[in-house]
Amino acid sequence: ASWEHRDRGSAEIPDERYLQLPEWEKEVAALTQEIMVGATSPREKIHRVISYLQDNCTYSLDPKRHERFGPVEDFLLHSREGYCEHFATAAALLLRGMGVPTRLVCGFSHGEWNALGKYVMVRQRDAHTWIEAYLPAYGWTTFDPTPAGEAKTLPPILSSINRYYDFLKLKWNRY
């Protein structure tokens, strides 16, 4: 599901770098115009782009790739399969194409609490990419265009063993 976070403390006014675009294929420019028909406010444009991506593209960790097209063009026009980097990059570029300053954010979206050591375990699988768009009344605001995927959870016994193992590794590395 898409999420939104407002950063009311940011007084930074974005410059032109947040509107930069690569050389577009005509089909991508046409798609941008099609998605944005009638949208006037930045917030409406953001929601249109996110809805379009989530309704028309599929999340996959192993997307099909047509090498003769650039990654964004391939994702938007041909394979329509990708992971968070594809969704976030496509959203950022579509929004920039409609004058909404946008930037990519890469990081870790969550972790798993380890009660043994009282810390959060953050793994590579927790890595994620999303966007921030500049809304004049709010500043930089976080949006996640990636559709919700199926959560991969371990059976409780394996999860407990995994937390204990991680705790032992932490102690070994620390001492």
Foldseek 3Di string as FASTA:
>chain_A
DKDKDFDQPDPDDDDCVLLDADDDDVVLLVVLCVLCVPPDALVSSLVSLLVCLVVQAEEDPDFDDDVVDPLQCCCVPNRSYYHQVNSAVNSSNSSSSVVWRKDKDKDFDAFPAQPVVRDGDTDPVRIHMWMWTQHPNGGTMTIRSGDDDDDDDDPPVVVNVVSVVVVVVVVVVVD
